[in-house]
Amino acid sequence: MFVLFEKADELTGEIVPDGVDVTFEVAGVAPTFKQAIDSTRARGIMVIVSIFARPIE
């Protein structure tokens, strides 16, 4: 199944309404960082693997 980058968090929310247990942020850009936060359930774990070139705003 092909998933559009912009819709990934919406589709995750449809499948797992409360969010996933663990997310990994590996791209190092603000949009995927936000998607990882939005897709992780409350008290879930977000693993940041990437190195960001500049601060995320």
PDB file of N, CA and C in Angstrom:
ATOM      1  N   MET A   1       0.838  -1.174   0.000  1.00  0.00           N
ATOM      2  CA  MET A   1       0.000   0.000   0.000  1.00  0.00           C
ATOM      3  C   MET A   1       0.888   1.244   0.000  1.00  0.00           C
ATOM      4  N   PHE A   2       0.612   2.161  -0.874  1.00  0.00           N
ATOM      5  CA  PHE A   2       1.357   3.415  -0.966  1.00  0.00           C
ATOM      6  C   PHE A   2       0.717   4.439  -0.040  1.00  0.00           C
ATOM      7  N   VAL A   3       1.496   5.026   0.840  1.00  0.00           N
ATOM      8  CA  VAL A   3       0.987   6.014   1.796  1.00  0.00           C
ATOM      9  C   VAL A   3       1.643   7.353   1.517  1.00  0.00           C
ATOM     10  N   LEU A   4       0.830   8.371   1.350  1.00  0.00           N
ATOM     11  CA  LEU A   4       1.370   9.709   1.170  1.00  0.00           C
ATOM     12  C   LEU A   4       1.975  10.195   2.474  1.00  0.00           C
ATOM     13  N   PHE A   5       3.124  10.835   2.376  1.00  0.00           N
ATOM     14  CA  PHE A   5       3.827  11.358   3.545  1.00  0.00           C
ATOM     15  C   PHE A   5       2.907  12.228   4.408  1.00  0.00           C
ATOM     16  N   GLU A   6       2.127  13.095   3.768  1.00  0.00           N
ATOM     17  CA  GLU A   6       1.274  14.031   4.498  1.00  0.00           C
ATOM     18  C   GLU A   6       0.141  13.327   5.241  1.00  0.00           C
ATOM     19  N   LYS A   7      -0.235  12.145   4.827  1.00  0.00           N
ATOM     20  CA  LYS A   7      -1.374  11.440   5.414  1.00  0.00           C
ATOM     21  C   LYS A   7      -0.964  10.324   6.374  1.00  0.00           C
ATOM     22  N   ALA A   8       0.310  10.118   6.569  1.00  0.00           N
ATOM     23  CA  ALA A   8       0.768   8.979   7.377  1.00  0.00           C
ATOM     24  C   ALA A   8       0.199   8.998   8.790  1.00  0.00           C
ATOM     25  N   ASP A   9       0.224  10.151   9.464  1.00  0.00           N
ATOM     26  CA  ASP A   9      -0.285  10.201  10.828  1.00  0.00           C
ATOM     27  C   ASP A   9      -1.800  10.046  10.872  1.00  0.00           C
ATOM     28  N   GLU A  10      -2.509  10.526   9.854  1.00  0.00           N
ATOM     29  CA  GLU A  10      -3.962  10.343   9.788  1.00  0.00           C
ATOM     30  C   GLU A  10      -4.311   8.862   9.647  1.00  0.00           C
ATOM     31  N   LEU A  11      -3.599   8.169   8.760  1.00  0.00           N
ATOM     32  CA  LEU A  11      -3.859   6.748   8.555  1.00  0.00           C
ATOM     33  C   LEU A  11      -3.500   5.930   9.793  1.00  0.00           C
ATOM     34  N   THR A  12      -2.429   6.301  10.459  1.00  0.00           N
ATOM     35  CA  THR A  12      -2.064   5.615  11.700  1.00  0.00           C
ATOM     36  C   THR A  12      -3.171   5.799  12.723  1.00  0.00           C
ATOM     37  N   GLY A  13      -3.722   7.007  12.812  1.00  0.00           N
ATOM     38  CA  GLY A  13      -4.814   7.290  13.743  1.00  0.00           C
ATOM     39  C   GLY A  13      -6.064   6.480  13.464  1.00  0.00           C
ATOM     40  N   GLU A  14      -6.307   6.169  12.197  1.00  0.00           N
ATOM     41  CA  GLU A  14      -7.470   5.337  11.851  1.00  0.00           C
ATOM     42  C   GLU A  14      -7.260   3.891  12.288  1.00  0.00           C
ATOM     43  N   ILE A  15      -6.040   3.414  12.167  1.00  0.00           N
ATOM     44  CA  ILE A  15      -5.734   2.020  12.508  1.00  0.00           C
ATOM     45  C   ILE A  15      -5.563   1.850  14.013  1.00  0.00           C
ATOM     46  N   VAL A  16      -4.857   2.781  14.628  1.00  0.00           N
ATOM     47  CA  VAL A  16      -4.576   2.728  16.069  1.00  0.00           C
ATOM     48  C   VAL A  16      -5.004   4.064  16.675  1.00  0.00           C
ATOM     49  N   PRO A  17      -6.284   4.219  17.016  1.00  0.00           N
ATOM     50  CA  PRO A  17      -6.807   5.517  17.465  1.00  0.00           C
ATOM     51  C   PRO A  17      -6.085   6.117  18.678  1.00  0.00           C
ATOM     52  N   ASP A  18      -5.607   5.294  19.587  1.00  0.00           N
ATOM     53  CA  ASP A  18      -4.922   5.810  20.780  1.00  0.00           C
ATOM     54  C   ASP A  18      -3.444   6.078  20.542  1.00  0.00           C
ATOM     55  N   GLY A  19      -2.937   5.751  19.372  1.00  0.00           N
ATOM     56  CA  GLY A  19      -1.528   5.937  19.050  1.00  0.00           C
ATOM     57  C   GLY A  19      -0.743   4.653  19.222  1.00  0.00           C
ATOM     58  N   VAL A  20       0.436   4.633  18.666  1.00  0.00           N
ATOM     59  CA  VAL A  20       1.291   3.446  18.733  1.00  0.00           C
ATOM     60  C   VAL A  20       2.160   3.495  19.981  1.00  0.00           C
ATOM     61  N   ASP A  21       2.672   2.354  20.375  1.00  0.00           N
ATOM     62  CA  ASP A  21       3.500   2.273  21.576  1.00  0.00           C
ATOM     63  C   ASP A  21       4.864   2.926  21.393  1.00  0.00           C
ATOM     64  N   VAL A  22       5.478   2.730  20.213  1.00  0.00           N
ATOM     65  CA  VAL A  22       6.828   3.229  19.965  1.00  0.00           C
ATOM     66  C   VAL A  22       6.912   3.806  18.555  1.00  0.00           C
ATOM     67  N   THR A  23       7.550   4.971  18.423  1.00  0.00           N
ATOM     68  CA  THR A  23       7.852   5.531  17.104  1.00  0.00           C
ATOM     69  C   THR A  23       9.359   5.798  17.019  1.00  0.00           C
ATOM     70  N   PHE A  24       9.863   5.778  15.800  1.00  0.00           N
ATOM     71  CA  PHE A  24      11.267   6.084  15.539  1.00  0.00           C
ATOM     72  C   PHE A  24      11.316   7.249  14.567  1.00  0.00           C
ATOM     73  N   GLU A  25      12.044   8.301  14.915  1.00  0.00           N
ATOM     74  CA  GLU A  25      12.235   9.433  14.020  1.00  0.00           C
ATOM     75  C   GLU A  25      13.644   9.310  13.469  1.00  0.00           C
ATOM     76  N   VAL A  26      13.739   9.082  12.155  1.00  0.00           N
ATOM     77  CA  VAL A  26      15.049   8.835  11.554  1.00  0.00           C
ATOM     78  C   VAL A  26      15.384   9.789  10.407  1.00  0.00           C
ATOM     79  N   ALA A  27      14.451  10.639  10.002  1.00  0.00           N
ATOM     80  CA  ALA A  27      14.692  11.519   8.859  1.00  0.00           C
ATOM     81  C   ALA A  27      15.436  12.790   9.243  1.00  0.00           C
ATOM     82  N   GLY A  28      15.225  13.279  10.457  1.00  0.00           N
ATOM     83  CA  GLY A  28      15.908  14.490  10.889  1.00  0.00           C
ATOM     84  C   GLY A  28      15.312  15.769  10.354  1.00  0.00           C
ATOM     85  N   VAL A  29      14.011  15.767  10.087  1.00  0.00           N
ATOM     86  CA  VAL A  29      13.333  16.982   9.621  1.00  0.00           C
ATOM     87  C   VAL A  29      12.089  17.214  10.481  1.00  0.00           C
ATOM     88  N   ALA A  30      11.684  18.470  10.578  1.00  0.00           N
ATOM     89  CA  ALA A  30      10.578  18.850  11.453  1.00  0.00           C
ATOM     90  C   ALA A  30       9.248  18.128  11.162  1.00  0.00           C
ATOM     91  N   PRO A  31       8.842  17.961   9.891  1.00  0.00           N
ATOM     92  CA  PRO A  31       7.549  17.310   9.648  1.00  0.00           C
ATOM     93  C   PRO A  31       7.477  15.870  10.180  1.00  0.00           C
ATOM     94  N   THR A  32       8.547  15.105  10.025  1.00  0.00           N
ATOM     95  CA  THR A  32       8.499  13.727  10.520  1.00  0.00           C
ATOM     96  C   THR A  32       8.621  13.674  12.036  1.00  0.00           C
ATOM     97  N   PHE A  33       9.298  14.658  12.621  1.00  0.00           N
ATOM     98  CA  PHE A  33       9.371  14.761  14.075  1.00  0.00           C
ATOM     99  C   PHE A  33       7.972  14.980  14.644  1.00  0.00           C
ATOM    100  N   LYS A  34       7.220  15.904  14.035  1.00  0.00           N
ATOM    101  CA  LYS A  34       5.851  16.179  14.479  1.00  0.00           C
ATOM    102  C   LYS A  34       4.957  14.958  14.274  1.00  0.00           C
ATOM    103  N   GLN A  35       5.105  14.272  13.143  1.00  0.00           N
ATOM    104  CA  GLN A  35       4.302  13.078  12.896  1.00  0.00           C
ATOM    105  C   GLN A  35       4.578  11.999  13.939  1.00  0.00           C
ATOM    106  N   ALA A  36       5.838  11.851  14.319  1.00  0.00           N
ATOM    107  CA  ALA A  36       6.184  10.855  15.330  1.00  0.00           C
ATOM    108  C   ALA A  36       5.520  11.194  16.659  1.00  0.00           C
ATOM    109  N   ILE A  37       5.552  12.461  17.038  1.00  0.00           N
ATOM    110  CA  ILE A  37       4.890  12.884  18.278  1.00  0.00           C
ATOM    111  C   ILE A  37       3.388  12.622  18.196  1.00  0.00           C
ATOM    112  N   ASP A  38       2.778  13.027  17.097  1.00  0.00           N
ATOM    113  CA  ASP A  38       1.326  12.885  16.935  1.00  0.00           C
ATOM    114  C   ASP A  38       0.884  11.421  16.871  1.00  0.00           C
ATOM    115  N   SER A  39       1.758  10.541  16.424  1.00  0.00           N
ATOM    116  CA  SER A  39       1.403   9.126  16.261  1.00  0.00           C
ATOM    117  C   SER A  39       1.658   8.285  17.507  1.00  0.00           C
ATOM    118  N   THR A  40       2.400   8.835  18.466  1.00  0.00           N
ATOM    119  CA  THR A  40       2.743   8.080  19.672  1.00  0.00           C
ATOM    120  C   THR A  40       1.660   8.264  20.726  1.00  0.00           C
ATOM    121  N   ARG A  41       1.252   7.157  21.348  1.00  0.00           N
ATOM    122  CA  ARG A  41       0.204   7.226  22.376  1.00  0.00           C
ATOM    123  C   ARG A  41       0.735   7.954  23.606  1.00  0.00           C
ATOM    124  N   ALA A  42      -0.171   8.361  24.475  1.00  0.00           N
ATOM    125  CA  ALA A  42       0.231   8.968  25.745  1.00  0.00           C
ATOM    126  C   ALA A  42       1.059   7.956  26.524  1.00  0.00           C
ATOM    127  N   ARG A  43       2.162   8.391  27.067  1.00  0.00           N
ATOM    128  CA  ARG A  43       3.110   7.558  27.800  1.00  0.00           C
ATOM    129  C   ARG A  43       3.806   6.519  26.912  1.00  0.00           C
ATOM    130  N   GLY A  44       3.760   6.753  25.586  1.00  0.00           N
ATOM    131  CA  GLY A  44       4.492   5.899  24.656  1.00  0.00           C
ATOM    132  C   GLY A  44       5.944   6.335  24.575  1.00  0.00           C
ATOM    133  N   ILE A  45       6.686   5.685  23.721  1.00  0.00           N
ATOM    134  CA  ILE A  45       8.120   5.967  23.589  1.00  0.00           C
ATOM    135  C   ILE A  45       8.406   6.473  22.182  1.00  0.00           C
ATOM    136  N   MET A  46       9.126   7.580  22.103  1.00  0.00           N
ATOM    137  CA  MET A  46       9.577   8.115  20.817  1.00  0.00           C
ATOM    138  C   MET A  46      11.102   8.058  20.812  1.00  0.00           C
ATOM    139  N   VAL A  47      11.650   7.320  19.864  1.00  0.00           N
ATOM    140  CA  VAL A  47      13.101   7.163  19.752  1.00  0.00           C
ATOM    141  C   VAL A  47      13.592   8.071  18.628  1.00  0.00           C
ATOM    142  N   ILE A  48      14.500   8.980  18.954  1.00  0.00           N
ATOM    143  CA  ILE A  48      15.056   9.890  17.951  1.00  0.00           C
ATOM    144  C   ILE A  48      16.421   9.348  17.554  1.00  0.00           C
ATOM    145  N   VAL A  49      16.501   8.840  16.320  1.00  0.00           N
ATOM    146  CA  VAL A  49      17.733   8.240  15.810  1.00  0.00           C
ATOM    147  C   VAL A  49      18.540   9.267  15.028  1.00  0.00           C
ATOM    148  N   SER A  50      17.858  10.221  14.432  1.00  0.00           N
ATOM    149  CA  SER A  50      18.504  11.185  13.543  1.00  0.00           C
ATOM    150  C   SER A  50      19.261  12.269  14.305  1.00  0.00           C
ATOM    151  N   ILE A  51      20.075  12.984  13.560  1.00  0.00           N
ATOM    152  CA  ILE A  51      20.773  14.154  14.075  1.00  0.00           C
ATOM    153  C   ILE A  51      20.233  15.352  13.302  1.00  0.00           C
ATOM    154  N   PHE A  52      19.694  16.322  14.021  1.00  0.00           N
ATOM    155  CA  PHE A  52      19.107  17.489  13.388  1.00  0.00           C
ATOM    156  C   PHE A  52      20.175  18.547  13.157  1.00  0.00           C
ATOM    157  N   ALA A  53      20.192  19.110  11.951  1.00  0.00           N
ATOM    158  CA  ALA A  53      21.184  20.126  11.584  1.00  0.00           C
ATOM    159  C   ALA A  53      20.923  21.451  12.272  1.00  0.00           C
ATOM    160  N   ARG A  54      19.645  21.725  12.569  1.00  0.00           N
ATOM    161  CA  ARG A  54      19.270  22.972  13.247  1.00  0.00           C
ATOM    162  C   ARG A  54      18.100  22.705  14.186  1.00  0.00           C
ATOM    163  N   PRO A  55      17.837  23.595  15.114  1.00  0.00           N
ATOM    164  CA  PRO A  55      16.737  23.395  16.065  1.00  0.00           C
ATOM    165  C   PRO A  55      15.386  23.263  15.360  1.00  0.00           C
ATOM    166  N   ILE A  56      14.530  22.461  15.955  1.00  0.00           N
ATOM    167  CA  ILE A  56      13.180  22.280  15.422  1.00  0.00           C
ATOM    168  C   ILE A  56      12.272  23.338  16.039  1.00  0.00           C
ATOM    169  N   GLU A  57      11.493  23.981  15.209  1.00  0.00           N
ATOM    170  CA  GLU A  57      10.582  25.017  15.706  1.00  0.00           C
ATOM    171  C   GLU A  57       9.163  24.662  15.414  1.00  0.00           C
TER     172      GLU A  57
END
